[in-house]
Amino acid sequence: MRGKYERNEILPSIEMVVKLAKVFGVTVDYLIGEGENASYDKETVNRINNIQKMDERTKSVLFNVIDTYIQNFKTKKAFAK
């Protein structure tokens, strides 16, 4: 059956797509290349999922650090032009 999927002779059922997403630890939209997070690599998706599980205080501290790096990146990019 797998060979037929790879050769595009048949498409997997939605149930199979859900199972495949679970096996690979990604969402269905990521697996099929659709949706907001579909362009993220698996490591990024895993990090986002782990952040979602954190308590609000920890997330707040982490987001402050991330925001600082993002602002620094944008400033450097703006002055590089």
N, C-alpha and C. Protein backbone atom coordinates (compact mmCIF):
# COMPACT_ATOMS: atom_id res chain seq x y z
N MET A 1 0.82 -1.19 0.00
CA MET A 1 0.00 0.00 0.00
C MET A 1 0.87 1.26 0.00
N ARG A 2 1.96 1.25 0.80
CA ARG A 2 2.82 2.42 0.90
C ARG A 2 3.36 2.84 -0.47
N GLY A 3 3.75 1.88 -1.27
CA GLY A 3 4.29 2.20 -2.59
C GLY A 3 3.29 2.94 -3.46
N LYS A 4 2.02 2.60 -3.33
CA LYS A 4 0.98 3.28 -4.10
C LYS A 4 0.83 4.73 -3.65
N TYR A 5 1.00 4.99 -2.34
CA TYR A 5 0.97 6.38 -1.86
C TYR A 5 2.14 7.14 -2.47
N GLU A 6 3.32 6.54 -2.43
CA GLU A 6 4.53 7.20 -2.92
C GLU A 6 4.47 7.46 -4.42
N ARG A 7 3.80 6.59 -5.15
CA ARG A 7 3.66 6.78 -6.61
C ARG A 7 2.43 7.58 -6.98
N ASN A 8 1.72 8.10 -5.97
CA ASN A 8 0.49 8.87 -6.19
C ASN A 8 -0.59 8.11 -6.94
N GLU A 9 -0.60 6.78 -6.78
CA GLU A 9 -1.64 5.97 -7.41
C GLU A 9 -2.94 6.02 -6.60
N ILE A 10 -2.80 6.16 -5.29
CA ILE A 10 -3.97 6.32 -4.42
C ILE A 10 -3.62 7.32 -3.32
N LEU A 11 -4.65 7.87 -2.70
CA LEU A 11 -4.45 8.79 -1.58
C LEU A 11 -4.86 8.11 -0.29
N PRO A 12 -4.18 8.41 0.82
CA PRO A 12 -4.56 7.79 2.09
C PRO A 12 -5.90 8.35 2.58
N SER A 13 -6.63 7.55 3.33
CA SER A 13 -7.88 8.00 3.92
C SER A 13 -7.56 9.04 5.00
N ILE A 14 -8.56 9.79 5.41
CA ILE A 14 -8.34 10.78 6.45
C ILE A 14 -7.89 10.10 7.75
N GLU A 15 -8.42 8.91 8.01
CA GLU A 15 -8.01 8.17 9.20
C GLU A 15 -6.51 7.84 9.14
N MET A 16 -6.03 7.46 7.97
CA MET A 16 -4.62 7.14 7.80
C MET A 16 -3.77 8.40 7.94
N VAL A 17 -4.25 9.53 7.43
CA VAL A 17 -3.51 10.78 7.56
C VAL A 17 -3.37 11.16 9.04
N VAL A 18 -4.44 10.99 9.81
CA VAL A 18 -4.39 11.27 11.25
C VAL A 18 -3.38 10.36 11.93
N LYS A 19 -3.38 9.08 11.57
CA LYS A 19 -2.42 8.13 12.17
C LYS A 19 -0.99 8.51 11.81
N LEU A 20 -0.76 8.87 10.57
CA LEU A 20 0.58 9.27 10.14
C LEU A 20 1.05 10.52 10.88
N ALA A 21 0.15 11.48 11.05
CA ALA A 21 0.51 12.69 11.78
C ALA A 21 0.91 12.36 13.21
N LYS A 22 0.18 11.45 13.84
CA LYS A 22 0.51 11.05 15.21
C LYS A 22 1.87 10.36 15.27
N VAL A 23 2.14 9.48 14.31
CA VAL A 23 3.41 8.76 14.28
C VAL A 23 4.58 9.74 14.15
N PHE A 24 4.42 10.75 13.31
CA PHE A 24 5.51 11.70 13.07
C PHE A 24 5.50 12.86 14.07
N GLY A 25 4.50 12.90 14.93
CA GLY A 25 4.45 13.93 15.96
C GLY A 25 4.18 15.32 15.42
N VAL A 26 3.36 15.40 14.38
CA VAL A 26 3.01 16.68 13.78
C VAL A 26 1.50 16.76 13.63
N THR A 27 1.00 17.93 13.25
CA THR A 27 -0.43 18.08 13.01
C THR A 27 -0.77 17.63 11.58
N VAL A 28 -2.04 17.40 11.36
CA VAL A 28 -2.49 17.00 10.01
C VAL A 28 -2.20 18.11 9.01
N ASP A 29 -2.46 19.38 9.39
CA ASP A 29 -2.20 20.47 8.44
C ASP A 29 -0.72 20.57 8.10
N TYR A 30 0.15 20.30 9.07
CA TYR A 30 1.59 20.29 8.80
C TYR A 30 1.93 19.17 7.82
N LEU A 31 1.35 18.00 8.07
CA LEU A 31 1.65 16.82 7.24
C LEU A 31 1.23 17.04 5.78
N ILE A 32 0.09 17.67 5.57
CA ILE A 32 -0.40 17.85 4.20
C ILE A 32 0.05 19.18 3.59
N GLY A 33 0.79 19.96 4.38
CA GLY A 33 1.36 21.20 3.85
C GLY A 33 0.38 22.34 3.77
N GLU A 34 -0.63 22.33 4.59
CA GLU A 34 -1.63 23.40 4.60
C GLU A 34 -1.71 23.99 6.00
N GLY A 35 -2.23 25.18 6.11
CA GLY A 35 -2.45 25.78 7.41
C GLY A 35 -1.32 26.69 7.83
N GLU A 36 -1.55 27.38 8.92
CA GLU A 36 -0.64 28.40 9.40
C GLU A 36 0.74 27.86 9.75
N ASN A 37 0.80 26.67 10.32
CA ASN A 37 2.08 26.12 10.78
C ASN A 37 2.72 25.15 9.78
N ALA A 38 2.16 25.02 8.62
CA ALA A 38 2.63 24.01 7.67
C ALA A 38 4.05 24.27 7.17
N SER A 39 4.47 25.52 7.16
CA SER A 39 5.81 25.82 6.65
C SER A 39 6.89 25.68 7.71
N TYR A 40 6.50 25.45 8.97
CA TYR A 40 7.48 25.30 10.04
C TYR A 40 8.11 23.91 9.99
N ASP A 41 9.41 23.85 10.31
CA ASP A 41 10.04 22.54 10.38
C ASP A 41 9.58 21.85 11.66
N LYS A 42 9.80 20.56 11.74
CA LYS A 42 9.29 19.76 12.86
C LYS A 42 9.84 20.25 14.20
N GLU A 43 11.09 20.65 14.23
CA GLU A 43 11.70 21.12 15.48
C GLU A 43 10.99 22.38 15.99
N THR A 44 10.65 23.27 15.07
CA THR A 44 9.93 24.50 15.45
C THR A 44 8.55 24.16 15.98
N VAL A 45 7.85 23.25 15.29
CA VAL A 45 6.52 22.83 15.74
C VAL A 45 6.60 22.22 17.14
N ASN A 46 7.60 21.38 17.39
CA ASN A 46 7.76 20.78 18.71
C ASN A 46 8.01 21.84 19.77
N ARG A 47 8.81 22.83 19.44
CA ARG A 47 9.08 23.90 20.41
C ARG A 47 7.81 24.69 20.72
N ILE A 48 7.04 25.00 19.70
CA ILE A 48 5.78 25.72 19.91
C ILE A 48 4.85 24.90 20.78
N ASN A 49 4.75 23.62 20.51
CA ASN A 49 3.90 22.75 21.33
C ASN A 49 4.37 22.71 22.78
N ASN A 50 5.67 22.66 23.00
CA ASN A 50 6.20 22.66 24.36
C ASN A 50 5.94 23.98 25.07
N ILE A 51 6.05 25.08 24.35
CA ILE A 51 5.75 26.39 24.94
C ILE A 51 4.30 26.46 25.37
N GLN A 52 3.40 25.92 24.56
CA GLN A 52 1.98 25.93 24.89
C GLN A 52 1.69 25.23 26.21
N LYS A 53 2.52 24.30 26.61
CA LYS A 53 2.31 23.52 27.83
C LYS A 53 2.85 24.22 29.08
N MET A 54 3.60 25.30 28.89
CA MET A 54 4.22 26.00 30.02
C MET A 54 3.20 26.83 30.78
N ASP A 55 3.53 27.11 32.05
CA ASP A 55 2.68 28.00 32.85
C ASP A 55 2.84 29.43 32.32
N GLU A 56 1.87 30.27 32.63
CA GLU A 56 1.84 31.63 32.08
C GLU A 56 3.06 32.47 32.46
N ARG A 57 3.54 32.32 33.67
CA ARG A 57 4.71 33.11 34.10
C ARG A 57 5.95 32.73 33.29
N THR A 58 6.17 31.44 33.11
CA THR A 58 7.32 30.97 32.32
C THR A 58 7.19 31.43 30.88
N LYS A 59 5.99 31.32 30.31
CA LYS A 59 5.78 31.78 28.93
C LYS A 59 6.07 33.27 28.81
N SER A 60 5.64 34.05 29.79
CA SER A 60 5.87 35.50 29.76
C SER A 60 7.35 35.82 29.73
N VAL A 61 8.13 35.17 30.57
CA VAL A 61 9.58 35.38 30.59
C VAL A 61 10.19 34.98 29.25
N LEU A 62 9.80 33.83 28.75
CA LEU A 62 10.33 33.35 27.48
C LEU A 62 9.97 34.30 26.34
N PHE A 63 8.74 34.78 26.30
CA PHE A 63 8.33 35.70 25.25
C PHE A 63 9.07 37.03 25.33
N ASN A 64 9.38 37.49 26.55
CA ASN A 64 10.17 38.72 26.68
C ASN A 64 11.56 38.54 26.06
N VAL A 65 12.17 37.39 26.28
CA VAL A 65 13.49 37.10 25.70
C VAL A 65 13.37 37.03 24.17
N ILE A 66 12.39 36.30 23.70
CA ILE A 66 12.18 36.16 22.25
C ILE A 66 11.93 37.52 21.61
N ASP A 67 11.05 38.32 22.24
CA ASP A 67 10.73 39.65 21.69
C ASP A 67 11.97 40.53 21.60
N THR A 68 12.86 40.42 22.59
CA THR A 68 14.11 41.19 22.57
C THR A 68 14.97 40.80 21.37
N TYR A 69 15.10 39.52 21.12
CA TYR A 69 15.88 39.05 19.98
C TYR A 69 15.23 39.45 18.65
N ILE A 70 13.91 39.38 18.58
CA ILE A 70 13.21 39.77 17.35
C ILE A 70 13.42 41.25 17.07
N GLN A 71 13.27 42.08 18.09
CA GLN A 71 13.46 43.52 17.92
C GLN A 71 14.90 43.83 17.50
N ASN A 72 15.87 43.15 18.11
CA ASN A 72 17.27 43.33 17.74
C ASN A 72 17.49 42.96 16.28
N PHE A 73 16.92 41.85 15.85
CA PHE A 73 17.04 41.40 14.46
C PHE A 73 16.45 42.43 13.50
N LYS A 74 15.25 42.92 13.83
CA LYS A 74 14.59 43.91 12.96
C LYS A 74 15.38 45.21 12.89
N THR A 75 15.95 45.64 14.02
CA THR A 75 16.75 46.86 14.04
C THR A 75 18.00 46.72 13.17
N LYS A 76 18.70 45.60 13.33
CA LYS A 76 19.89 45.36 12.50
C LYS A 76 19.53 45.32 11.02
N LYS A 77 18.42 44.68 10.72
CA LYS A 77 17.99 44.56 9.32
C LYS A 77 17.64 45.94 8.75
N ALA A 78 16.98 46.78 9.55
CA ALA A 78 16.60 48.11 9.09
C ALA A 78 17.82 48.99 8.82
N PHE A 79 18.83 48.89 9.68
CA PHE A 79 20.02 49.72 9.51
C PHE A 79 20.99 49.16 8.47
N ALA A 80 20.80 47.92 8.07
CA ALA A 80 21.68 47.32 7.08
C ALA A 80 21.36 47.79 5.67
N LYS A 81 20.21 48.40 5.50
CA LYS A 81 19.80 48.83 4.14
C LYS A 81 20.46 50.10 3.70
